[in-house]
Amino acid sequence: ALSRLATTNYSVVLLDVMMPGVSGIEVIRHLASTGRHHKCVVLMSAGRESLLGDAPPALVHTKLRKPFNIKDVVEAVRGCVESLVNGEPPFDNYPGKGRRE
């Protein structure tokens, strides 16, 4: 997945905080360090919100707590896509890229 994220632009990246091998937080940090600024929907268990503490906020579009309804995931992904369609690219408010007011 990391190699695809390094070479392909995606409108939305759906991540779980607790994934085998590489955590969702590590993926977000990797995206930030490589200049790939995708919008992320992050899935997490209750009580795991603190893990997102140092994740770049511009990359985390939506946080969903488990258990979640699949309709909530669809709405979160739709919200990411709509923000892009409305001219809000993920990098517009990324630290170091010129913060939008």
PDB file of N, CA and C in Angstrom:
ATOM      1  N   ALA A   1       0.818  -1.201   0.000  1.00  0.00           N
ATOM      2  CA  ALA A   1       0.000   0.000   0.000  1.00  0.00           C
ATOM      3  C   ALA A   1       0.859   1.260   0.000  1.00  0.00           C
ATOM      4  N   LEU A   2       1.939   1.262   0.772  1.00  0.00           N
ATOM      5  CA  LEU A   2       2.788   2.454   0.830  1.00  0.00           C
ATOM      6  C   LEU A   2       3.417   2.755  -0.518  1.00  0.00           C
ATOM      7  N   SER A   3       3.793   1.729  -1.266  1.00  0.00           N
ATOM      8  CA  SER A   3       4.388   1.982  -2.580  1.00  0.00           C
ATOM      9  C   SER A   3       3.367   2.569  -3.541  1.00  0.00           C
ATOM     10  N   ARG A   4       2.120   2.124  -3.450  1.00  0.00           N
ATOM     11  CA  ARG A   4       1.078   2.710  -4.308  1.00  0.00           C
ATOM     12  C   ARG A   4       0.780   4.149  -3.907  1.00  0.00           C
ATOM     13  N   LEU A   5       0.762   4.421  -2.618  1.00  0.00           N
ATOM     14  CA  LEU A   5       0.532   5.792  -2.162  1.00  0.00           C
ATOM     15  C   LEU A   5       1.661   6.721  -2.612  1.00  0.00           C
ATOM     16  N   ALA A   6       2.846   6.177  -2.778  1.00  0.00           N
ATOM     17  CA  ALA A   6       3.989   6.990  -3.194  1.00  0.00           C
ATOM     18  C   ALA A   6       3.934   7.357  -4.676  1.00  0.00           C
ATOM     19  N   THR A   7       3.166   6.591  -5.457  1.00  0.00           N
ATOM     20  CA  THR A   7       3.187   6.815  -6.903  1.00  0.00           C
ATOM     21  C   THR A   7       1.832   7.193  -7.497  1.00  0.00           C
ATOM     22  N   THR A   8       0.773   7.121  -6.711  1.00  0.00           N
ATOM     23  CA  THR A   8      -0.571   7.363  -7.227  1.00  0.00           C
ATOM     24  C   THR A   8      -1.290   8.376  -6.355  1.00  0.00           C
ATOM     25  N   ASN A   9      -2.009   9.307  -6.975  1.00  0.00           N
ATOM     26  CA  ASN A   9      -2.827  10.258  -6.225  1.00  0.00           C
ATOM     27  C   ASN A   9      -4.222   9.682  -6.037  1.00  0.00           C
ATOM     28  N   TYR A  10      -4.642   9.603  -4.813  1.00  0.00           N
ATOM     29  CA  TYR A  10      -5.977   9.131  -4.472  1.00  0.00           C
ATOM     30  C   TYR A  10      -6.768  10.281  -3.874  1.00  0.00           C
ATOM     31  N   SER A  11      -8.058  10.307  -4.129  1.00  0.00           N
ATOM     32  CA  SER A  11      -8.908  11.336  -3.525  1.00  0.00           C
ATOM     33  C   SER A  11      -9.063  11.110  -2.038  1.00  0.00           C
ATOM     34  N   VAL A  12      -9.152   9.846  -1.641  1.00  0.00           N
ATOM     35  CA  VAL A  12      -9.388   9.489  -0.244  1.00  0.00           C
ATOM     36  C   VAL A  12      -8.554   8.262   0.104  1.00  0.00           C
ATOM     37  N   VAL A  13      -8.012   8.259   1.310  1.00  0.00           N
ATOM     38  CA  VAL A  13      -7.327   7.081   1.837  1.00  0.00           C
ATOM     39  C   VAL A  13      -8.083   6.667   3.093  1.00  0.00           C
ATOM     40  N   LEU A  14      -8.551   5.436   3.113  1.00  0.00           N
ATOM     41  CA  LEU A  14      -9.295   4.882   4.249  1.00  0.00           C
ATOM     42  C   LEU A  14      -8.327   4.049   5.072  1.00  0.00           C
ATOM     43  N   LEU A  15      -8.121   4.438   6.331  1.00  0.00           N
ATOM     44  CA  LEU A  15      -7.131   3.797   7.194  1.00  0.00           C
ATOM     45  C   LEU A  15      -7.738   3.383   8.518  1.00  0.00           C
ATOM     46  N   ASP A  16      -7.241   2.281   9.049  1.00  0.00           N
ATOM     47  CA  ASP A  16      -7.553   1.884  10.416  1.00  0.00           C
ATOM     48  C   ASP A  16      -6.325   2.224  11.245  1.00  0.00           C
ATOM     49  N   VAL A  17      -6.525   2.748  12.440  1.00  0.00           N
ATOM     50  CA  VAL A  17      -5.395   3.074  13.301  1.00  0.00           C
ATOM     51  C   VAL A  17      -4.585   1.812  13.604  1.00  0.00           C
ATOM     52  N   MET A  18      -5.276   0.716  13.846  1.00  0.00           N
ATOM     53  CA  MET A  18      -4.612  -0.539  14.208  1.00  0.00           C
ATOM     54  C   MET A  18      -4.638  -1.498  13.022  1.00  0.00           C
ATOM     55  N   MET A  19      -3.610  -1.414  12.174  1.00  0.00           N
ATOM     56  CA  MET A  19      -3.479  -2.326  11.038  1.00  0.00           C
ATOM     57  C   MET A  19      -2.265  -3.205  11.285  1.00  0.00           C
ATOM     58  N   PRO A  20      -2.269  -4.420  10.758  1.00  0.00           N
ATOM     59  CA  PRO A  20      -1.084  -5.272  10.938  1.00  0.00           C
ATOM     60  C   PRO A  20       0.103  -4.725  10.143  1.00  0.00           C
ATOM     61  N   GLY A  21       1.271  -4.803  10.716  1.00  0.00           N
ATOM     62  CA  GLY A  21       2.478  -4.351  10.016  1.00  0.00           C
ATOM     63  C   GLY A  21       2.742  -2.877  10.197  1.00  0.00           C
ATOM     64  N   VAL A  22       1.951  -2.032   9.566  1.00  0.00           N
ATOM     65  CA  VAL A  22       2.122  -0.575   9.631  1.00  0.00           C
ATOM     66  C   VAL A  22       0.808   0.023  10.108  1.00  0.00           C
ATOM     67  N   SER A  23       0.869   0.850  11.142  1.00  0.00           N
ATOM     68  CA  SER A  23      -0.364   1.450  11.663  1.00  0.00           C
ATOM     69  C   SER A  23      -0.845   2.572  10.750  1.00  0.00           C
ATOM     70  N   GLY A  24      -2.112   2.921  10.881  1.00  0.00           N
ATOM     71  CA  GLY A  24      -2.660   4.032  10.123  1.00  0.00           C
ATOM     72  C   GLY A  24      -1.935   5.337  10.404  1.00  0.00           C
ATOM     73  N   ILE A  25      -1.489   5.514  11.643  1.00  0.00           N
ATOM     74  CA  ILE A  25      -0.758   6.721  12.016  1.00  0.00           C
ATOM     75  C   ILE A  25       0.578   6.762  11.276  1.00  0.00           C
ATOM     76  N   GLU A  26       1.241   5.610  11.181  1.00  0.00           N
ATOM     77  CA  GLU A  26       2.504   5.558  10.443  1.00  0.00           C
ATOM     78  C   GLU A  26       2.290   5.881   8.965  1.00  0.00           C
ATOM     79  N   VAL A  27       1.179   5.436   8.398  1.00  0.00           N
ATOM     80  CA  VAL A  27       0.871   5.750   7.002  1.00  0.00           C
ATOM     81  C   VAL A  27       0.671   7.250   6.837  1.00  0.00           C
ATOM     82  N   ILE A  28      -0.055   7.873   7.755  1.00  0.00           N
ATOM     83  CA  ILE A  28      -0.279   9.321   7.690  1.00  0.00           C
ATOM     84  C   ILE A  28       1.047  10.064   7.803  1.00  0.00           C
ATOM     85  N   ARG A  29       1.906   9.649   8.723  1.00  0.00           N
ATOM     86  CA  ARG A  29       3.219  10.280   8.868  1.00  0.00           C
ATOM     87  C   ARG A  29       4.043  10.113   7.590  1.00  0.00           C
ATOM     88  N   HIS A  30       3.965   8.935   6.996  1.00  0.00           N
ATOM     89  CA  HIS A  30       4.683   8.672   5.745  1.00  0.00           C
ATOM     90  C   HIS A  30       4.188   9.607   4.637  1.00  0.00           C
ATOM     91  N   LEU A  31       2.860   9.744   4.525  1.00  0.00           N
ATOM     92  CA  LEU A  31       2.299  10.647   3.517  1.00  0.00           C
ATOM     93  C   LEU A  31       2.818  12.065   3.720  1.00  0.00           C
ATOM     94  N   ALA A  32       2.834  12.503   4.969  1.00  0.00           N
ATOM     95  CA  ALA A  32       3.283  13.865   5.271  1.00  0.00           C
ATOM     96  C   ALA A  32       4.760  14.040   4.939  1.00  0.00           C
ATOM     97  N   SER A  33       5.563  13.043   5.266  1.00  0.00           N
ATOM     98  CA  SER A  33       7.008  13.166   5.052  1.00  0.00           C
ATOM     99  C   SER A  33       7.401  13.112   3.581  1.00  0.00           C
ATOM    100  N   THR A  34       6.552  12.507   2.754  1.00  0.00           N
ATOM    101  CA  THR A  34       6.882  12.393   1.334  1.00  0.00           C
ATOM    102  C   THR A  34       6.206  13.473   0.494  1.00  0.00           C
ATOM    103  N   GLY A  35       5.414  14.331   1.147  1.00  0.00           N
ATOM    104  CA  GLY A  35       4.736  15.390   0.407  1.00  0.00           C
ATOM    105  C   GLY A  35       3.485  14.930  -0.306  1.00  0.00           C
ATOM    106  N   ARG A  36       3.033  13.723  -0.046  1.00  0.00           N
ATOM    107  CA  ARG A  36       1.793  13.202  -0.637  1.00  0.00           C
ATOM    108  C   ARG A  36       0.667  13.601   0.307  1.00  0.00           C
ATOM    109  N   HIS A  37      -0.222  14.455  -0.125  1.00  0.00           N
ATOM    110  CA  HIS A  37      -1.223  15.032   0.765  1.00  0.00           C
ATOM    111  C   HIS A  37      -2.629  14.579   0.393  1.00  0.00           C
ATOM    112  N   HIS A  38      -2.909  13.332   0.687  1.00  0.00           N
ATOM    113  CA  HIS A  38      -4.234  12.765   0.466  1.00  0.00           C
ATOM    114  C   HIS A  38      -5.111  13.085   1.673  1.00  0.00           C
ATOM    115  N   LYS A  39      -6.418  13.083   1.464  1.00  0.00           N
ATOM    116  CA  LYS A  39      -7.327  13.221   2.600  1.00  0.00           C
ATOM    117  C   LYS A  39      -7.598  11.833   3.141  1.00  0.00           C
ATOM    118  N   CYS A  40      -7.550  11.688   4.454  1.00  0.00           N
ATOM    119  CA  CYS A  40      -7.694  10.382   5.092  1.00  0.00           C
ATOM    120  C   CYS A  40      -8.949  10.315   5.942  1.00  0.00           C
ATOM    121  N   VAL A  41      -9.631   9.178   5.841  1.00  0.00           N
ATOM    122  CA  VAL A  41     -10.709   8.818   6.765  1.00  0.00           C
ATOM    123  C   VAL A  41     -10.093   7.765   7.670  1.00  0.00           C
ATOM    124  N   VAL A  42     -10.075   8.034   8.968  1.00  0.00           N
ATOM    125  CA  VAL A  42      -9.399   7.160   9.913  1.00  0.00           C
ATOM    126  C   VAL A  42     -10.430   6.444  10.785  1.00  0.00           C
ATOM    127  N   LEU A  43     -10.321   5.115  10.837  1.00  0.00           N
ATOM    128  CA  LEU A  43     -11.185   4.279  11.667  1.00  0.00           C
ATOM    129  C   LEU A  43     -10.420   3.921  12.924  1.00  0.00           C
ATOM    130  N   MET A  44     -11.091   3.978  14.078  1.00  0.00           N
ATOM    131  CA  MET A  44     -10.396   3.679  15.334  1.00  0.00           C
ATOM    132  C   MET A  44     -11.358   3.171  16.396  1.00  0.00           C
ATOM    133  N   SER A  45     -10.793   2.457  17.343  1.00  0.00           N
ATOM    134  CA  SER A  45     -11.558   2.006  18.500  1.00  0.00           C
ATOM    135  C   SER A  45     -11.699   3.162  19.478  1.00  0.00           C
ATOM    136  N   ALA A  46     -12.725   3.090  20.301  1.00  0.00           N
ATOM    137  CA  ALA A  46     -12.896   4.100  21.343  1.00  0.00           C
ATOM    138  C   ALA A  46     -11.649   4.106  22.219  1.00  0.00           C
ATOM    139  N   GLY A  47     -11.219   5.280  22.617  1.00  0.00           N
ATOM    140  CA  GLY A  47     -10.048   5.404  23.463  1.00  0.00           C
ATOM    141  C   GLY A  47      -8.744   5.481  22.696  1.00  0.00           C
ATOM    142  N   ARG A  48      -8.783   5.407  21.384  1.00  0.00           N
ATOM    143  CA  ARG A  48      -7.563   5.462  20.563  1.00  0.00           C
ATOM    144  C   ARG A  48      -7.334   6.835  19.944  1.00  0.00           C
ATOM    145  N   GLU A  49      -8.214   7.794  20.223  1.00  0.00           N
ATOM    146  CA  GLU A  49      -8.096   9.119  19.615  1.00  0.00           C
ATOM    147  C   GLU A  49      -6.755   9.770  19.911  1.00  0.00           C
ATOM    148  N   SER A  50      -6.192   9.493  21.086  1.00  0.00           N
ATOM    149  CA  SER A  50      -4.922  10.125  21.456  1.00  0.00           C
ATOM    150  C   SER A  50      -3.792   9.710  20.511  1.00  0.00           C
ATOM    151  N   LEU A  51      -3.932   8.583  19.845  1.00  0.00           N
ATOM    152  CA  LEU A  51      -2.909   8.147  18.892  1.00  0.00           C
ATOM    153  C   LEU A  51      -2.790   9.101  17.716  1.00  0.00           C
ATOM    154  N   LEU A  52      -3.861   9.843  17.434  1.00  0.00           N
ATOM    155  CA  LEU A  52      -3.836  10.796  16.323  1.00  0.00           C
ATOM    156  C   LEU A  52      -3.233  12.140  16.726  1.00  0.00           C
ATOM    157  N   GLY A  53      -2.828  12.259  17.982  1.00  0.00           N
ATOM    158  CA  GLY A  53      -2.351  13.527  18.504  1.00  0.00           C
ATOM    159  C   GLY A  53      -1.322  14.235  17.660  1.00  0.00           C
ATOM    160  N   ASP A  54      -0.352  13.496  17.111  1.00  0.00           N
ATOM    161  CA  ASP A  54       0.691  14.163  16.341  1.00  0.00           C
ATOM    162  C   ASP A  54       0.547  13.957  14.836  1.00  0.00           C
ATOM    163  N   ALA A  55      -0.588  13.418  14.415  1.00  0.00           N
ATOM    164  CA  ALA A  55      -0.842  13.268  12.973  1.00  0.00           C
ATOM    165  C   ALA A  55      -1.168  14.636  12.383  1.00  0.00           C
ATOM    166  N   PRO A  56      -0.639  14.943  11.201  1.00  0.00           N
ATOM    167  CA  PRO A  56      -0.938  16.241  10.580  1.00  0.00           C
ATOM    168  C   PRO A  56      -2.448  16.412  10.392  1.00  0.00           C
ATOM    169  N   PRO A  57      -3.063  17.401  11.038  1.00  0.00           N
ATOM    170  CA  PRO A  57      -4.516  17.550  10.979  1.00  0.00           C
ATOM    171  C   PRO A  57      -5.059  17.784   9.577  1.00  0.00           C
ATOM    172  N   ALA A  58      -4.262  18.346   8.695  1.00  0.00           N
ATOM    173  CA  ALA A  58      -4.753  18.597   7.333  1.00  0.00           C
ATOM    174  C   ALA A  58      -4.997  17.306   6.571  1.00  0.00           C
ATOM    175  N   LEU A  59      -4.333  16.237   6.967  1.00  0.00           N
ATOM    176  CA  LEU A  59      -4.493  14.968   6.269  1.00  0.00           C
ATOM    177  C   LEU A  59      -5.648  14.142   6.816  1.00  0.00           C
ATOM    178  N   VAL A  60      -6.065  14.414   8.051  1.00  0.00           N
ATOM    179  CA  VAL A  60      -7.153  13.647   8.662  1.00  0.00           C
ATOM    180  C   VAL A  60      -8.452  14.404   8.448  1.00  0.00           C
ATOM    181  N   HIS A  61      -9.222  13.971   7.460  1.00  0.00           N
ATOM    182  CA  HIS A  61     -10.484  14.630   7.134  1.00  0.00           C
ATOM    183  C   HIS A  61     -11.568  14.219   8.121  1.00  0.00           C
ATOM    184  N   THR A  62     -11.667  12.920   8.419  1.00  0.00           N
ATOM    185  CA  THR A  62     -12.733  12.401   9.273  1.00  0.00           C
ATOM    186  C   THR A  62     -12.197  11.277  10.136  1.00  0.00           C
ATOM    187  N   LYS A  63     -12.653  11.250  11.395  1.00  0.00           N
ATOM    188  CA  LYS A  63     -12.339  10.148  12.315  1.00  0.00           C
ATOM    189  C   LYS A  63     -13.647   9.433  12.638  1.00  0.00           C
ATOM    190  N   LEU A  64     -13.658   8.119  12.494  1.00  0.00           N
ATOM    191  CA  LEU A  64     -14.845   7.318  12.823  1.00  0.00           C
ATOM    192  C   LEU A  64     -14.487   6.294  13.884  1.00  0.00           C
ATOM    193  N   ARG A  65     -15.300   6.252  14.940  1.00  0.00           N
ATOM    194  CA  ARG A  65     -15.083   5.290  16.010  1.00  0.00           C
ATOM    195  C   ARG A  65     -15.794   3.981  15.735  1.00  0.00           C
ATOM    196  N   LYS A  66     -15.132   2.890  16.092  1.00  0.00           N
ATOM    197  CA  LYS A  66     -15.741   1.557  15.989  1.00  0.00           C
ATOM    198  C   LYS A  66     -16.628   1.346  17.209  1.00  0.00           C
ATOM    199  N   PRO A  67     -17.696   0.639  17.096  1.00  0.00           N
ATOM    200  CA  PRO A  67     -18.261   0.133  15.850  1.00  0.00           C
ATOM    201  C   PRO A  67     -18.920   1.281  15.080  1.00  0.00           C
ATOM    202  N   PHE A  68     -18.807   1.234  13.791  1.00  0.00           N
ATOM    203  CA  PHE A  68     -19.380   2.285  12.961  1.00  0.00           C
ATOM    204  C   PHE A  68     -20.367   1.666  11.985  1.00  0.00           C
ATOM    205  N   ASN A  69     -21.233   2.509  11.488  1.00  0.00           N
ATOM    206  CA  ASN A  69     -22.213   2.102  10.493  1.00  0.00           C
ATOM    207  C   ASN A  69     -21.577   2.330   9.129  1.00  0.00           C
ATOM    208  N   ILE A  70     -21.755   1.402   8.215  1.00  0.00           N
ATOM    209  CA  ILE A  70     -21.157   1.537   6.885  1.00  0.00           C
ATOM    210  C   ILE A  70     -21.640   2.820   6.194  1.00  0.00           C
ATOM    211  N   LYS A  71     -22.841   3.257   6.528  1.00  0.00           N
ATOM    212  CA  LYS A  71     -23.336   4.517   5.964  1.00  0.00           C
ATOM    213  C   LYS A  71     -22.463   5.697   6.397  1.00  0.00           C
ATOM    214  N   ASP A  72     -21.927   5.627   7.617  1.00  0.00           N
ATOM    215  CA  ASP A  72     -21.035   6.689   8.091  1.00  0.00           C
ATOM    216  C   ASP A  72     -19.732   6.709   7.294  1.00  0.00           C
ATOM    217  N   VAL A  73     -19.239   5.534   6.939  1.00  0.00           N
ATOM    218  CA  VAL A  73     -18.015   5.455   6.132  1.00  0.00           C
ATOM    219  C   VAL A  73     -18.274   6.052   4.753  1.00  0.00           C
ATOM    220  N   VAL A  74     -19.406   5.680   4.168  1.00  0.00           N
ATOM    221  CA  VAL A  74     -19.762   6.206   2.844  1.00  0.00           C
ATOM    222  C   VAL A  74     -19.877   7.730   2.902  1.00  0.00           C
ATOM    223  N   GLU A  75     -20.518   8.253   3.931  1.00  0.00           N
ATOM    224  CA  GLU A  75     -20.661   9.710   4.072  1.00  0.00           C
ATOM    225  C   GLU A  75     -19.309  10.389   4.256  1.00  0.00           C
ATOM    226  N   ALA A  76     -18.424   9.764   5.021  1.00  0.00           N
ATOM    227  CA  ALA A  76     -17.096  10.343   5.236  1.00  0.00           C
ATOM    228  C   ALA A  76     -16.311  10.401   3.928  1.00  0.00           C
ATOM    229  N   VAL A  77     -16.347   9.319   3.169  1.00  0.00           N
ATOM    230  CA  VAL A  77     -15.652   9.295   1.878  1.00  0.00           C
ATOM    231  C   VAL A  77     -16.280  10.316   0.933  1.00  0.00           C
ATOM    232  N   ARG A  78     -17.598  10.374   0.916  1.00  0.00           N
ATOM    233  CA  ARG A  78     -18.292  11.354   0.075  1.00  0.00           C
ATOM    234  C   ARG A  78     -17.881  12.775   0.466  1.00  0.00           C
ATOM    235  N   GLY A  79     -17.779  13.049   1.750  1.00  0.00           N
ATOM    236  CA  GLY A  79     -17.360  14.377   2.209  1.00  0.00           C
ATOM    237  C   GLY A  79     -15.971  14.744   1.734  1.00  0.00           C
ATOM    238  N   CYS A  80     -15.058  13.775   1.742  1.00  0.00           N
ATOM    239  CA  CYS A  80     -13.703  14.026   1.227  1.00  0.00           C
ATOM    240  C   CYS A  80     -13.743  14.375  -0.247  1.00  0.00           C
ATOM    241  N   VAL A  81     -14.472  13.584  -1.014  1.00  0.00           N
ATOM    242  CA  VAL A  81     -14.551  13.813  -2.455  1.00  0.00           C
ATOM    243  C   VAL A  81     -15.213  15.150  -2.743  1.00  0.00           C
ATOM    244  N   GLU A  82     -16.283  15.463  -2.027  1.00  0.00           N
ATOM    245  CA  GLU A  82     -16.968  16.743  -2.240  1.00  0.00           C
ATOM    246  C   GLU A  82     -16.054  17.919  -1.925  1.00  0.00           C
ATOM    247  N   SER A  83     -15.226  17.794  -0.885  1.00  0.00           N
ATOM    248  CA  SER A  83     -14.318  18.896  -0.565  1.00  0.00           C
ATOM    249  C   SER A  83     -13.304  19.107  -1.683  1.00  0.00           C
ATOM    250  N   LEU A  84     -12.898  18.032  -2.334  1.00  0.00           N
ATOM    251  CA  LEU A  84     -11.986  18.160  -3.477  1.00  0.00           C
ATOM    252  C   LEU A  84     -12.699  18.784  -4.668  1.00  0.00           C
ATOM    253  N   VAL A  85     -13.937  18.353  -4.920  1.00  0.00           N
ATOM    254  CA  VAL A  85     -14.720  18.897  -6.032  1.00  0.00           C
ATOM    255  C   VAL A  85     -14.967  20.386  -5.823  1.00  0.00           C
ATOM    256  N   ASN A  86     -15.120  20.785  -4.565  1.00  0.00           N
ATOM    257  CA  ASN A  86     -15.367  22.193  -4.238  1.00  0.00           C
ATOM    258  C   ASN A  86     -14.087  23.018  -4.202  1.00  0.00           C
ATOM    259  N   GLY A  87     -13.003  22.440  -4.678  1.00  0.00           N
ATOM    260  CA  GLY A  87     -11.766  23.203  -4.770  1.00  0.00           C
ATOM    261  C   GLY A  87     -10.941  23.256  -3.524  1.00  0.00           C
ATOM    262  N   GLU A  88     -11.080  22.273  -2.660  1.00  0.00           N
ATOM    263  CA  GLU A  88     -10.304  22.245  -1.428  1.00  0.00           C
ATOM    264  C   GLU A  88      -9.302  21.093  -1.495  1.00  0.00           C
ATOM    265  N   PRO A  89      -8.201  21.251  -2.234  1.00  0.00           N
ATOM    266  CA  PRO A  89      -7.230  20.161  -2.297  1.00  0.00           C
ATOM    267  C   PRO A  89      -6.629  19.894  -0.928  1.00  0.00           C
ATOM    268  N   PRO A  90      -6.231  18.667  -0.651  1.00  0.00           N
ATOM    269  CA  PRO A  90      -5.720  18.317   0.672  1.00  0.00           C
ATOM    270  C   PRO A  90      -4.522  19.136   1.111  1.00  0.00           C
ATOM    271  N   PHE A  91      -3.715  19.621   0.175  1.00  0.00           N
ATOM    272  CA  PHE A  91      -2.505  20.331   0.562  1.00  0.00           C
ATOM    273  C   PHE A  91      -2.743  21.793   0.869  1.00  0.00           C
ATOM    274  N   ASP A  92      -3.939  22.318   0.640  1.00  0.00           N
ATOM    275  CA  ASP A  92      -4.180  23.752   0.841  1.00  0.00           C
ATOM    276  C   ASP A  92      -3.925  24.206   2.270  1.00  0.00           C
ATOM    277  N   ASN A  93      -4.249  23.388   3.245  1.00  0.00           N
ATOM    278  CA  ASN A  93      -4.038  23.821   4.619  1.00  0.00           C
ATOM    279  C   ASN A  93      -3.020  22.944   5.324  1.00  0.00           C
ATOM    280  N   TYR A  94      -2.149  22.306   4.550  1.00  0.00           N
ATOM    281  CA  TYR A  94      -1.114  21.476   5.145  1.00  0.00           C
ATOM    282  C   TYR A  94       0.001  22.368   5.677  1.00  0.00           C
ATOM    283  N   PRO A  95       0.467  22.131   6.905  1.00  0.00           N
ATOM    284  CA  PRO A  95       1.519  22.975   7.471  1.00  0.00           C
ATOM    285  C   PRO A  95       2.709  23.087   6.521  1.00  0.00           C
ATOM    286  N   GLY A  96       3.145  24.299   6.296  1.00  0.00           N
ATOM    287  CA  GLY A  96       4.265  24.530   5.421  1.00  0.00           C
ATOM    288  C   GLY A  96       3.870  24.765   3.967  1.00  0.00           C
ATOM    289  N   LYS A  97       2.614  24.586   3.650  1.00  0.00           N
ATOM    290  CA  LYS A  97       2.149  24.781   2.268  1.00  0.00           C
ATOM    291  C   LYS A  97       1.307  26.039   2.147  1.00  0.00           C
ATOM    292  N   GLY A  98       1.222  26.852   3.182  1.00  0.00           N
ATOM    293  CA  GLY A  98       0.407  28.073   3.122  1.00  0.00           C
ATOM    294  C   GLY A  98      -0.990  27.789   3.644  1.00  0.00           C
ATOM    295  N   ARG A  99      -1.218  28.152   4.860  1.00  0.00           N
ATOM    296  CA  ARG A  99      -2.481  27.877   5.543  1.00  0.00           C
ATOM    297  C   ARG A  99      -3.600  28.748   5.003  1.00  0.00           C
ATOM    298  N   ARG A 100      -4.751  28.114   4.704  1.00  0.00           N
ATOM    299  CA  ARG A 100      -5.930  28.870   4.265  1.00  0.00           C
ATOM    300  C   ARG A 100      -6.672  29.398   5.466  1.00  0.00           C
ATOM    301  N   GLU A 101      -7.240  30.566   5.342  1.00  0.00           N
ATOM    302  CA  GLU A 101      -8.014  31.156   6.450  1.00  0.00           C
ATOM    303  C   GLU A 101      -9.456  30.774   6.343  1.00  0.00           C
TER     304      GLU A 101
END
